[in-house]
Amino acid sequence: MTDTVEIPVRVLNETDKAWLMTKEPFGRRFAHWEPKSRVQIPDRNEVKPMHTSVMPRAYALSRGWLK
């Protein structure tokens, strides 16, 4: 089983294949495009300022989401 992590993010933009997201509650600082094939956002249809992203721990570490 893959070790996954949940990270609170703000979705700034979305395409068919990727999310533009940041951990910052305001502004666009440190925003990254992440592929939908690697990152899921199960609560995306809800209207709220921050969402929960789910991604593999190794991927989150390599992309700088975790330290």
PDB file of N, CA and C in Angstrom:
ATOM      1  N   MET A   1       0.845  -1.178   0.000  1.00  0.00           N
ATOM      2  CA  MET A   1       0.000   0.000   0.000  1.00  0.00           C
ATOM      3  C   MET A   1       0.892   1.245   0.000  1.00  0.00           C
ATOM      4  N   THR A   2       0.504   2.243  -0.754  1.00  0.00           N
ATOM      5  CA  THR A   2       1.275   3.473  -0.851  1.00  0.00           C
ATOM      6  C   THR A   2       1.026   4.341   0.376  1.00  0.00           C
ATOM      7  N   ASP A   3       2.099   4.896   0.919  1.00  0.00           N
ATOM      8  CA  ASP A   3       2.015   5.797   2.056  1.00  0.00           C
ATOM      9  C   ASP A   3       1.592   7.177   1.543  1.00  0.00           C
ATOM     10  N   THR A   4       0.409   7.638   1.928  1.00  0.00           N
ATOM     11  CA  THR A   4      -0.096   8.925   1.445  1.00  0.00           C
ATOM     12  C   THR A   4      -0.165   9.937   2.585  1.00  0.00           C
ATOM     13  N   VAL A   5      -0.188  11.209   2.208  1.00  0.00           N
ATOM     14  CA  VAL A   5      -0.321  12.291   3.180  1.00  0.00           C
ATOM     15  C   VAL A   5      -1.443  13.221   2.727  1.00  0.00           C
ATOM     16  N   GLU A   6      -2.051  13.875   3.704  1.00  0.00           N
ATOM     17  CA  GLU A   6      -3.069  14.887   3.427  1.00  0.00           C
ATOM     18  C   GLU A   6      -2.476  16.249   3.730  1.00  0.00           C
ATOM     19  N   ILE A   7      -2.553  17.154   2.771  1.00  0.00           N
ATOM     20  CA  ILE A   7      -1.978  18.486   2.917  1.00  0.00           C
ATOM     21  C   ILE A   7      -3.059  19.511   2.592  1.00  0.00           C
ATOM     22  N   PRO A   8      -3.304  20.478   3.490  1.00  0.00           N
ATOM     23  CA  PRO A   8      -4.275  21.524   3.179  1.00  0.00           C
ATOM     24  C   PRO A   8      -3.706  22.472   2.119  1.00  0.00           C
ATOM     25  N   VAL A   9      -4.486  22.717   1.071  1.00  0.00           N
ATOM     26  CA  VAL A   9      -4.044  23.581  -0.023  1.00  0.00           C
ATOM     27  C   VAL A   9      -5.175  24.502  -0.454  1.00  0.00           C
ATOM     28  N   ARG A  10      -4.791  25.557  -1.147  1.00  0.00           N
ATOM     29  CA  ARG A  10      -5.748  26.438  -1.807  1.00  0.00           C
ATOM     30  C   ARG A  10      -5.564  26.249  -3.299  1.00  0.00           C
ATOM     31  N   VAL A  11      -6.625  25.911  -3.997  1.00  0.00           N
ATOM     32  CA  VAL A  11      -6.568  25.689  -5.442  1.00  0.00           C
ATOM     33  C   VAL A  11      -6.761  27.034  -6.131  1.00  0.00           C
ATOM     34  N   LEU A  12      -5.759  27.432  -6.920  1.00  0.00           N
ATOM     35  CA  LEU A  12      -5.804  28.714  -7.616  1.00  0.00           C
ATOM     36  C   LEU A  12      -6.345  28.593  -9.027  1.00  0.00           C
ATOM     37  N   ASN A  13      -6.069  27.454  -9.651  1.00  0.00           N
ATOM     38  CA  ASN A  13      -6.519  27.233 -11.022  1.00  0.00           C
ATOM     39  C   ASN A  13      -6.555  25.731 -11.266  1.00  0.00           C
ATOM     40  N   GLU A  14      -7.198  25.353 -12.360  1.00  0.00           N
ATOM     41  CA  GLU A  14      -7.349  23.933 -12.662  1.00  0.00           C
ATOM     42  C   GLU A  14      -7.460  23.761 -14.169  1.00  0.00           C
ATOM     43  N   THR A  15      -6.796  22.727 -14.695  1.00  0.00           N
ATOM     44  CA  THR A  15      -6.979  22.324 -16.086  1.00  0.00           C
ATOM     45  C   THR A  15      -7.486  20.887 -16.064  1.00  0.00           C
ATOM     46  N   ASP A  16      -7.639  20.306 -17.234  1.00  0.00           N
ATOM     47  CA  ASP A  16      -8.077  18.915 -17.302  1.00  0.00           C
ATOM     48  C   ASP A  16      -7.055  17.966 -16.681  1.00  0.00           C
ATOM     49  N   LYS A  17      -5.777  18.376 -16.666  1.00  0.00           N
ATOM     50  CA  LYS A  17      -4.725  17.464 -16.230  1.00  0.00           C
ATOM     51  C   LYS A  17      -3.964  17.897 -14.991  1.00  0.00           C
ATOM     52  N   ALA A  18      -4.193  19.114 -14.481  1.00  0.00           N
ATOM     53  CA  ALA A  18      -3.375  19.580 -13.353  1.00  0.00           C
ATOM     54  C   ALA A  18      -4.113  20.586 -12.479  1.00  0.00           C
ATOM     55  N   TRP A  19      -3.587  20.727 -11.237  1.00  0.00           N
ATOM     56  CA  TRP A  19      -4.061  21.729 -10.285  1.00  0.00           C
ATOM     57  C   TRP A  19      -2.942  22.752 -10.081  1.00  0.00           C
ATOM     58  N   LEU A  20      -3.283  24.024  -9.964  1.00  0.00           N
ATOM     59  CA  LEU A  20      -2.337  25.032  -9.500  1.00  0.00           C
ATOM     60  C   LEU A  20      -2.720  25.279  -8.051  1.00  0.00           C
ATOM     61  N   MET A  21      -1.819  24.925  -7.125  1.00  0.00           N
ATOM     62  CA  MET A  21      -2.190  24.997  -5.718  1.00  0.00           C
ATOM     63  C   MET A  21      -1.036  25.515  -4.864  1.00  0.00           C
ATOM     64  N   THR A  22      -1.410  26.042  -3.697  1.00  0.00           N
ATOM     65  CA  THR A  22      -0.449  26.578  -2.747  1.00  0.00           C
ATOM     66  C   THR A  22      -0.898  26.244  -1.334  1.00  0.00           C
ATOM     67  N   LYS A  23       0.037  26.246  -0.401  1.00  0.00           N
ATOM     68  CA  LYS A  23      -0.313  26.048   1.006  1.00  0.00           C
ATOM     69  C   LYS A  23      -0.657  27.370   1.675  1.00  0.00           C
ATOM     70  N   GLU A  24      -0.373  28.488   1.004  1.00  0.00           N
ATOM     71  CA  GLU A  24      -0.621  29.812   1.561  1.00  0.00           C
ATOM     72  C   GLU A  24      -2.122  30.134   1.505  1.00  0.00           C
ATOM     73  N   PRO A  25      -2.707  30.636   2.591  1.00  0.00           N
ATOM     74  CA  PRO A  25      -4.135  30.964   2.560  1.00  0.00           C
ATOM     75  C   PRO A  25      -4.450  32.206   1.726  1.00  0.00           C
ATOM     76  N   PHE A  26      -3.452  33.077   1.509  1.00  0.00           N
ATOM     77  CA  PHE A  26      -3.656  34.288   0.711  1.00  0.00           C
ATOM     78  C   PHE A  26      -2.492  34.428  -0.269  1.00  0.00           C
ATOM     79  N   GLY A  27      -2.756  34.980  -1.430  1.00  0.00           N
ATOM     80  CA  GLY A  27      -1.705  35.209  -2.413  1.00  0.00           C
ATOM     81  C   GLY A  27      -1.375  33.978  -3.232  1.00  0.00           C
ATOM     82  N   ARG A  28      -0.416  34.151  -4.143  1.00  0.00           N
ATOM     83  CA  ARG A  28      -0.021  33.082  -5.050  1.00  0.00           C
ATOM     84  C   ARG A  28       1.409  32.616  -4.795  1.00  0.00           C
ATOM     85  N   ARG A  29       1.971  33.008  -3.681  1.00  0.00           N
ATOM     86  CA  ARG A  29       3.347  32.665  -3.389  1.00  0.00           C
ATOM     87  C   ARG A  29       3.501  31.150  -3.223  1.00  0.00           C
ATOM     88  N   PHE A  30       4.562  30.627  -3.787  1.00  0.00           N
ATOM     89  CA  PHE A  30       4.895  29.201  -3.688  1.00  0.00           C
ATOM     90  C   PHE A  30       3.835  28.303  -4.333  1.00  0.00           C
ATOM     91  N   ALA A  31       3.172  28.773  -5.371  1.00  0.00           N
ATOM     92  CA  ALA A  31       2.180  27.950  -6.074  1.00  0.00           C
ATOM     93  C   ALA A  31       2.890  26.978  -7.018  1.00  0.00           C
ATOM     94  N   HIS A  32       2.368  25.775  -7.111  1.00  0.00           N
ATOM     95  CA  HIS A  32       2.930  24.733  -7.974  1.00  0.00           C
ATOM     96  C   HIS A  32       1.812  24.106  -8.798  1.00  0.00           C
ATOM     97  N   TRP A  33       2.126  23.782 -10.045  1.00  0.00           N
ATOM     98  CA  TRP A  33       1.234  22.952 -10.846  1.00  0.00           C
ATOM     99  C   TRP A  33       1.523  21.504 -10.487  1.00  0.00           C
ATOM    100  N   GLU A  34       0.489  20.768 -10.147  1.00  0.00           N
ATOM    101  CA  GLU A  34       0.635  19.355  -9.801  1.00  0.00           C
ATOM    102  C   GLU A  34      -0.333  18.527 -10.650  1.00  0.00           C
ATOM    103  N   PRO A  35       0.152  17.411 -11.216  1.00  0.00           N
ATOM    104  CA  PRO A  35      -0.706  16.595 -12.080  1.00  0.00           C
ATOM    105  C   PRO A  35      -1.818  15.895 -11.295  1.00  0.00           C
ATOM    106  N   LYS A  36      -2.977  15.847 -11.897  1.00  0.00           N
ATOM    107  CA  LYS A  36      -4.110  15.165 -11.264  1.00  0.00           C
ATOM    108  C   LYS A  36      -3.876  13.665 -11.163  1.00  0.00           C
ATOM    109  N   SER A  37      -2.952  13.147 -11.956  1.00  0.00           N
ATOM    110  CA  SER A  37      -2.635  11.721 -11.876  1.00  0.00           C
ATOM    111  C   SER A  37      -1.875  11.386 -10.592  1.00  0.00           C
ATOM    112  N   ARG A  38      -1.241  12.373  -9.962  1.00  0.00           N
ATOM    113  CA  ARG A  38      -0.478  12.145  -8.730  1.00  0.00           C
ATOM    114  C   ARG A  38      -1.153  12.712  -7.488  1.00  0.00           C
ATOM    115  N   VAL A  39      -2.017  13.713  -7.677  1.00  0.00           N
ATOM    116  CA  VAL A  39      -2.626  14.418  -6.546  1.00  0.00           C
ATOM    117  C   VAL A  39      -4.145  14.383  -6.679  1.00  0.00           C
ATOM    118  N   GLN A  40      -4.817  13.963  -5.620  1.00  0.00           N
ATOM    119  CA  GLN A  40      -6.277  13.985  -5.595  1.00  0.00           C
ATOM    120  C   GLN A  40      -6.737  15.053  -4.601  1.00  0.00           C
ATOM    121  N   ILE A  41      -7.868  15.669  -4.911  1.00  0.00           N
ATOM    122  CA  ILE A  41      -8.499  16.617  -3.994  1.00  0.00           C
ATOM    123  C   ILE A  41      -9.955  16.172  -3.869  1.00  0.00           C
ATOM    124  N   PRO A  42     -10.225  15.287  -2.900  1.00  0.00           N
ATOM    125  CA  PRO A  42     -11.565  14.690  -2.798  1.00  0.00           C
ATOM    126  C   PRO A  42     -12.675  15.696  -2.492  1.00  0.00           C
ATOM    127  N   ASP A  43     -12.357  16.778  -1.796  1.00  0.00           N
ATOM    128  CA  ASP A  43     -13.391  17.748  -1.423  1.00  0.00           C
ATOM    129  C   ASP A  43     -13.421  18.958  -2.360  1.00  0.00           C
ATOM    130  N   ARG A  44     -12.958  18.814  -3.587  1.00  0.00           N
ATOM    131  CA  ARG A  44     -12.862  19.934  -4.531  1.00  0.00           C
ATOM    132  C   ARG A  44     -14.221  20.546  -4.870  1.00  0.00           C
ATOM    133  N   ASN A  45     -15.283  19.785  -4.857  1.00  0.00           N
ATOM    134  CA  ASN A  45     -16.602  20.306  -5.222  1.00  0.00           C
ATOM    135  C   ASN A  45     -17.227  21.165  -4.131  1.00  0.00           C
ATOM    136  N   GLU A  46     -16.631  21.165  -2.948  1.00  0.00           N
ATOM    137  CA  GLU A  46     -17.138  21.999  -1.859  1.00  0.00           C
ATOM    138  C   GLU A  46     -16.598  23.420  -1.995  1.00  0.00           C
ATOM    139  N   VAL A  47     -17.412  24.394  -1.620  1.00  0.00           N
ATOM    140  CA  VAL A  47     -16.992  25.791  -1.668  1.00  0.00           C
ATOM    141  C   VAL A  47     -16.385  26.152  -0.322  1.00  0.00           C
ATOM    142  N   LYS A  48     -15.055  26.311  -0.314  1.00  0.00           N
ATOM    143  CA  LYS A  48     -14.343  26.680   0.904  1.00  0.00           C
ATOM    144  C   LYS A  48     -12.959  27.191   0.522  1.00  0.00           C
ATOM    145  N   PRO A  49     -12.320  27.947   1.396  1.00  0.00           N
ATOM    146  CA  PRO A  49     -11.034  28.549   1.028  1.00  0.00           C
ATOM    147  C   PRO A  49      -9.879  27.563   0.912  1.00  0.00           C
ATOM    148  N   MET A  50      -9.850  26.536   1.745  1.00  0.00           N
ATOM    149  CA  MET A  50      -8.768  25.554   1.705  1.00  0.00           C
ATOM    150  C   MET A  50      -9.362  24.155   1.501  1.00  0.00           C
ATOM    151  N   HIS A  51      -8.657  23.346   0.714  1.00  0.00           N
ATOM    152  CA  HIS A  51      -9.073  21.978   0.431  1.00  0.00           C
ATOM    153  C   HIS A  51      -8.010  21.010   0.937  1.00  0.00           C
ATOM    154  N   THR A  52      -8.338  19.747   0.992  1.00  0.00           N
ATOM    155  CA  THR A  52      -7.401  18.715   1.415  1.00  0.00           C
ATOM    156  C   THR A  52      -6.899  17.974   0.187  1.00  0.00           C
ATOM    157  N   SER A  53      -5.596  18.038  -0.046  1.00  0.00           N
ATOM    158  CA  SER A  53      -5.004  17.268  -1.143  1.00  0.00           C
ATOM    159  C   SER A  53      -4.430  15.972  -0.575  1.00  0.00           C
ATOM    160  N   VAL A  54      -4.491  14.923  -1.373  1.00  0.00           N
ATOM    161  CA  VAL A  54      -3.958  13.619  -0.985  1.00  0.00           C
ATOM    162  C   VAL A  54      -2.947  13.214  -2.049  1.00  0.00           C
ATOM    163  N   MET A  55      -1.708  12.926  -1.591  1.00  0.00           N
ATOM    164  CA  MET A  55      -0.648  12.541  -2.518  1.00  0.00           C
ATOM    165  C   MET A  55       0.315  11.580  -1.831  1.00  0.00           C
ATOM    166  N   PRO A  56       1.087  10.832  -2.608  1.00  0.00           N
ATOM    167  CA  PRO A  56       2.079   9.945  -2.002  1.00  0.00           C
ATOM    168  C   PRO A  56       3.121  10.742  -1.212  1.00  0.00           C
ATOM    169  N   ARG A  57       3.531  10.219  -0.069  1.00  0.00           N
ATOM    170  CA  ARG A  57       4.499  10.913   0.791  1.00  0.00           C
ATOM    171  C   ARG A  57       5.801  11.207   0.043  1.00  0.00           C
ATOM    172  N   ALA A  58       6.318  10.237  -0.695  1.00  0.00           N
ATOM    173  CA  ALA A  58       7.580  10.438  -1.419  1.00  0.00           C
ATOM    174  C   ALA A  58       7.443  11.565  -2.447  1.00  0.00           C
ATOM    175  N   TYR A  59       6.307  11.636  -3.118  1.00  0.00           N
ATOM    176  CA  TYR A  59       6.071  12.695  -4.099  1.00  0.00           C
ATOM    177  C   TYR A  59       5.985  14.046  -3.402  1.00  0.00           C
ATOM    178  N   ALA A  60       5.283  14.120  -2.293  1.00  0.00           N
ATOM    179  CA  ALA A  60       5.153  15.380  -1.533  1.00  0.00           C
ATOM    180  C   ALA A  60       6.521  15.875  -1.060  1.00  0.00           C
ATOM    181  N   LEU A  61       7.366  14.972  -0.617  1.00  0.00           N
ATOM    182  CA  LEU A  61       8.714  15.353  -0.195  1.00  0.00           C
ATOM    183  C   LEU A  61       9.544  15.860  -1.377  1.00  0.00           C
ATOM    184  N   SER A  62       9.447  15.184  -2.508  1.00  0.00           N
ATOM    185  CA  SER A  62      10.243  15.581  -3.670  1.00  0.00           C
ATOM    186  C   SER A  62       9.815  16.919  -4.251  1.00  0.00           C
ATOM    187  N   ARG A  63       8.542  17.273  -4.091  1.00  0.00           N
ATOM    188  CA  ARG A  63       8.024  18.531  -4.639  1.00  0.00           C
ATOM    189  C   ARG A  63       8.037  19.671  -3.632  1.00  0.00           C
ATOM    190  N   GLY A  64       8.455  19.420  -2.404  1.00  0.00           N
ATOM    191  CA  GLY A  64       8.575  20.480  -1.414  1.00  0.00           C
ATOM    192  C   GLY A  64       7.325  20.761  -0.592  1.00  0.00           C
ATOM    193  N   TRP A  65       6.325  19.895  -0.673  1.00  0.00           N
ATOM    194  CA  TRP A  65       5.121  20.092   0.126  1.00  0.00           C
ATOM    195  C   TRP A  65       5.344  19.726   1.581  1.00  0.00           C
ATOM    196  N   LEU A  66       6.282  18.830   1.820  1.00  0.00           N
ATOM    197  CA  LEU A  66       6.652  18.426   3.175  1.00  0.00           C
ATOM    198  C   LEU A  66       8.138  18.709   3.388  1.00  0.00           C
ATOM    199  N   LYS A  67       8.491  18.943   4.629  1.00  0.00           N
ATOM    200  CA  LYS A  67       9.910  19.156   4.940  1.00  0.00           C
ATOM    201  C   LYS A  67      10.415  18.062   5.836  1.00  0.00           C
TER     202      LYS A  67
END
